[in-house]
Amino acid sequence: MSTISDAVIKDHRELQQYYNEITNSFDHDHQDRFGNQFTWELARHSVAEELIVYPHSKSTWARKDTR
């Protein structure tokens, strides 16, 4: 079973791979393709964190502050 933190780590690793593809390539088509993939995945990842991770973290921190 995968946890939210596993999914976040997986996303971060994928983003790093796409970034490496962009920066290590001299082929402009390859850079464009992975640049587009990087942009799409970063946007998707950011929205998921905003909708799921941050609200959960905020409520967890609020509970710890009241103890």
N, C-alpha and C. Protein backbone atom coordinates (compact mmCIF):
# COMPACT_ATOMS: atom_id res chain seq x y z
N MET A 1 0.85 -1.18 0.00
CA MET A 1 0.00 0.00 0.00
C MET A 1 0.89 1.24 0.00
N SER A 2 0.57 2.16 -0.86
CA SER A 2 1.35 3.38 -1.00
C SER A 2 0.79 4.49 -0.10
N THR A 3 1.67 5.23 0.52
CA THR A 3 1.24 6.35 1.36
C THR A 3 1.37 7.65 0.58
N ILE A 4 0.81 8.69 1.14
CA ILE A 4 0.91 10.00 0.51
C ILE A 4 2.37 10.41 0.40
N SER A 5 3.14 10.16 1.44
CA SER A 5 4.56 10.54 1.38
C SER A 5 5.30 9.74 0.31
N ASP A 6 4.92 8.47 0.09
CA ASP A 6 5.52 7.69 -0.99
C ASP A 6 5.22 8.32 -2.35
N ALA A 7 3.99 8.77 -2.52
CA ALA A 7 3.60 9.40 -3.78
C ALA A 7 4.35 10.72 -4.00
N VAL A 8 4.53 11.49 -2.94
CA VAL A 8 5.26 12.75 -3.04
C VAL A 8 6.72 12.48 -3.41
N ILE A 9 7.32 11.52 -2.76
CA ILE A 9 8.71 11.16 -3.06
C ILE A 9 8.85 10.68 -4.50
N LYS A 10 7.92 9.85 -4.94
CA LYS A 10 7.93 9.35 -6.32
C LYS A 10 7.84 10.52 -7.30
N ASP A 11 6.93 11.45 -7.05
CA ASP A 11 6.79 12.63 -7.91
C ASP A 11 8.08 13.44 -7.95
N HIS A 12 8.69 13.64 -6.81
CA HIS A 12 9.93 14.43 -6.75
C HIS A 12 11.04 13.74 -7.56
N ARG A 13 11.11 12.43 -7.47
CA ARG A 13 12.12 11.69 -8.24
C ARG A 13 11.86 11.79 -9.74
N GLU A 14 10.59 11.69 -10.14
CA GLU A 14 10.25 11.82 -11.56
C GLU A 14 10.59 13.22 -12.07
N LEU A 15 10.27 14.23 -11.28
CA LEU A 15 10.59 15.60 -11.68
C LEU A 15 12.10 15.77 -11.83
N GLN A 16 12.88 15.18 -10.94
CA GLN A 16 14.33 15.25 -11.03
C GLN A 16 14.82 14.57 -12.31
N GLN A 17 14.22 13.44 -12.66
CA GLN A 17 14.59 12.74 -13.90
C GLN A 17 14.28 13.59 -15.13
N TYR A 18 13.11 14.22 -15.16
CA TYR A 18 12.75 15.08 -16.29
C TYR A 18 13.72 16.26 -16.38
N TYR A 19 14.05 16.85 -15.24
CA TYR A 19 14.98 17.96 -15.22
C TYR A 19 16.34 17.53 -15.77
N ASN A 20 16.81 16.37 -15.35
CA ASN A 20 18.08 15.85 -15.84
C ASN A 20 18.05 15.60 -17.34
N GLU A 21 16.93 15.10 -17.84
CA GLU A 21 16.78 14.90 -19.29
C GLU A 21 16.93 16.22 -20.04
N ILE A 22 16.35 17.27 -19.48
CA ILE A 22 16.41 18.59 -20.12
C ILE A 22 17.83 19.14 -20.10
N THR A 23 18.45 19.11 -18.93
CA THR A 23 19.75 19.77 -18.77
C THR A 23 20.91 18.98 -19.37
N ASN A 24 20.75 17.67 -19.53
CA ASN A 24 21.85 16.85 -20.05
C ASN A 24 21.76 16.59 -21.55
N SER A 25 20.73 17.09 -22.19
CA SER A 25 20.54 16.84 -23.61
C SER A 25 20.96 18.06 -24.45
N PHE A 26 21.46 17.77 -25.63
CA PHE A 26 21.77 18.83 -26.59
C PHE A 26 20.77 18.83 -27.74
N ASP A 27 19.83 17.90 -27.72
CA ASP A 27 18.79 17.78 -28.75
C ASP A 27 17.61 18.65 -28.34
N HIS A 28 17.32 19.68 -29.12
CA HIS A 28 16.27 20.63 -28.76
C HIS A 28 14.88 19.99 -28.72
N ASP A 29 14.62 19.03 -29.63
CA ASP A 29 13.33 18.34 -29.58
C ASP A 29 13.18 17.54 -28.29
N HIS A 30 14.25 16.90 -27.89
CA HIS A 30 14.25 16.12 -26.64
C HIS A 30 14.03 17.07 -25.45
N GLN A 31 14.73 18.19 -25.44
CA GLN A 31 14.57 19.18 -24.37
C GLN A 31 13.14 19.71 -24.33
N ASP A 32 12.57 20.01 -25.49
CA ASP A 32 11.19 20.50 -25.53
C ASP A 32 10.22 19.46 -25.00
N ARG A 33 10.40 18.22 -25.43
CA ARG A 33 9.50 17.14 -25.00
C ARG A 33 9.56 16.97 -23.48
N PHE A 34 10.75 16.90 -22.93
CA PHE A 34 10.86 16.72 -21.49
C PHE A 34 10.57 18.01 -20.72
N GLY A 35 10.80 19.15 -21.36
CA GLY A 35 10.40 20.42 -20.74
C GLY A 35 8.90 20.50 -20.57
N ASN A 36 8.18 20.09 -21.61
CA ASN A 36 6.71 20.06 -21.53
C ASN A 36 6.24 19.06 -20.49
N GLN A 37 6.87 17.89 -20.46
CA GLN A 37 6.51 16.87 -19.46
C GLN A 37 6.79 17.38 -18.05
N PHE A 38 7.94 18.02 -17.88
CA PHE A 38 8.31 18.58 -16.58
C PHE A 38 7.27 19.60 -16.12
N THR A 39 6.90 20.51 -17.02
CA THR A 39 5.92 21.55 -16.69
C THR A 39 4.58 20.93 -16.29
N TRP A 40 4.11 19.97 -17.06
CA TRP A 40 2.83 19.31 -16.78
C TRP A 40 2.88 18.59 -15.43
N GLU A 41 3.92 17.82 -15.20
CA GLU A 41 4.02 17.05 -13.96
C GLU A 41 4.19 17.96 -12.74
N LEU A 42 4.95 19.04 -12.89
CA LEU A 42 5.12 19.97 -11.77
C LEU A 42 3.79 20.64 -11.43
N ALA A 43 3.02 21.03 -12.44
CA ALA A 43 1.71 21.64 -12.19
C ALA A 43 0.78 20.65 -11.50
N ARG A 44 0.73 19.42 -12.00
CA ARG A 44 -0.13 18.39 -11.41
C ARG A 44 0.28 18.12 -9.97
N HIS A 45 1.58 17.99 -9.75
CA HIS A 45 2.10 17.73 -8.41
C HIS A 45 1.77 18.87 -7.45
N SER A 46 1.96 20.09 -7.90
CA SER A 46 1.69 21.26 -7.05
C SER A 46 0.22 21.34 -6.65
N VAL A 47 -0.67 21.09 -7.60
CA VAL A 47 -2.10 21.12 -7.30
C VAL A 47 -2.45 20.02 -6.30
N ALA A 48 -1.89 18.84 -6.49
CA ALA A 48 -2.17 17.73 -5.56
C ALA A 48 -1.68 18.07 -4.16
N GLU A 49 -0.50 18.66 -4.05
CA GLU A 49 -0.01 19.04 -2.72
C GLU A 49 -0.91 20.10 -2.09
N GLU A 50 -1.33 21.07 -2.87
CA GLU A 50 -2.21 22.13 -2.35
C GLU A 50 -3.55 21.58 -1.87
N LEU A 51 -4.08 20.59 -2.59
CA LEU A 51 -5.40 20.05 -2.26
C LEU A 51 -5.38 18.98 -1.17
N ILE A 52 -4.29 18.23 -1.09
CA ILE A 52 -4.27 17.08 -0.18
C ILE A 52 -3.25 17.24 0.95
N VAL A 53 -2.02 17.48 0.60
CA VAL A 53 -0.94 17.45 1.60
C VAL A 53 -1.03 18.65 2.54
N TYR A 54 -1.10 19.85 2.00
CA TYR A 54 -1.06 21.04 2.84
C TYR A 54 -2.25 21.13 3.80
N PRO A 55 -3.49 20.88 3.35
CA PRO A 55 -4.59 20.93 4.33
C PRO A 55 -4.44 19.88 5.44
N HIS A 56 -3.98 18.70 5.09
CA HIS A 56 -3.77 17.66 6.10
C HIS A 56 -2.68 18.08 7.08
N SER A 57 -1.59 18.61 6.56
CA SER A 57 -0.49 19.06 7.42
C SER A 57 -0.94 20.19 8.33
N LYS A 58 -1.71 21.10 7.76
CA LYS A 58 -2.18 22.25 8.54
C LYS A 58 -3.05 21.80 9.71
N SER A 59 -3.94 20.84 9.45
CA SER A 59 -4.81 20.36 10.53
C SER A 59 -4.01 19.56 11.56
N THR A 60 -3.01 18.83 11.11
CA THR A 60 -2.15 18.08 12.04
C THR A 60 -1.37 19.04 12.92
N TRP A 61 -0.81 20.09 12.34
CA TRP A 61 -0.06 21.08 13.11
C TRP A 61 -0.97 21.81 14.09
N ALA A 62 -2.20 22.10 13.69
CA ALA A 62 -3.14 22.79 14.56
C ALA A 62 -3.45 21.93 15.79
N ARG A 63 -3.62 20.63 15.59
CA ARG A 63 -3.90 19.72 16.71
C ARG A 63 -2.71 19.67 17.66
N LYS A 64 -1.50 19.68 17.13
CA LYS A 64 -0.30 19.63 17.99
C LYS A 64 -0.14 20.92 18.77
N ASP A 65 -0.55 22.05 18.19
CA ASP A 65 -0.43 23.34 18.88
C ASP A 65 -1.37 23.46 20.06
N THR A 66 -2.47 22.71 20.07
CA THR A 66 -3.44 22.81 21.15
C THR A 66 -3.13 21.88 22.31
N ARG A 67 -2.12 21.06 22.17
CA ARG A 67 -1.77 20.12 23.25
C ARG A 67 -0.94 20.75 24.30
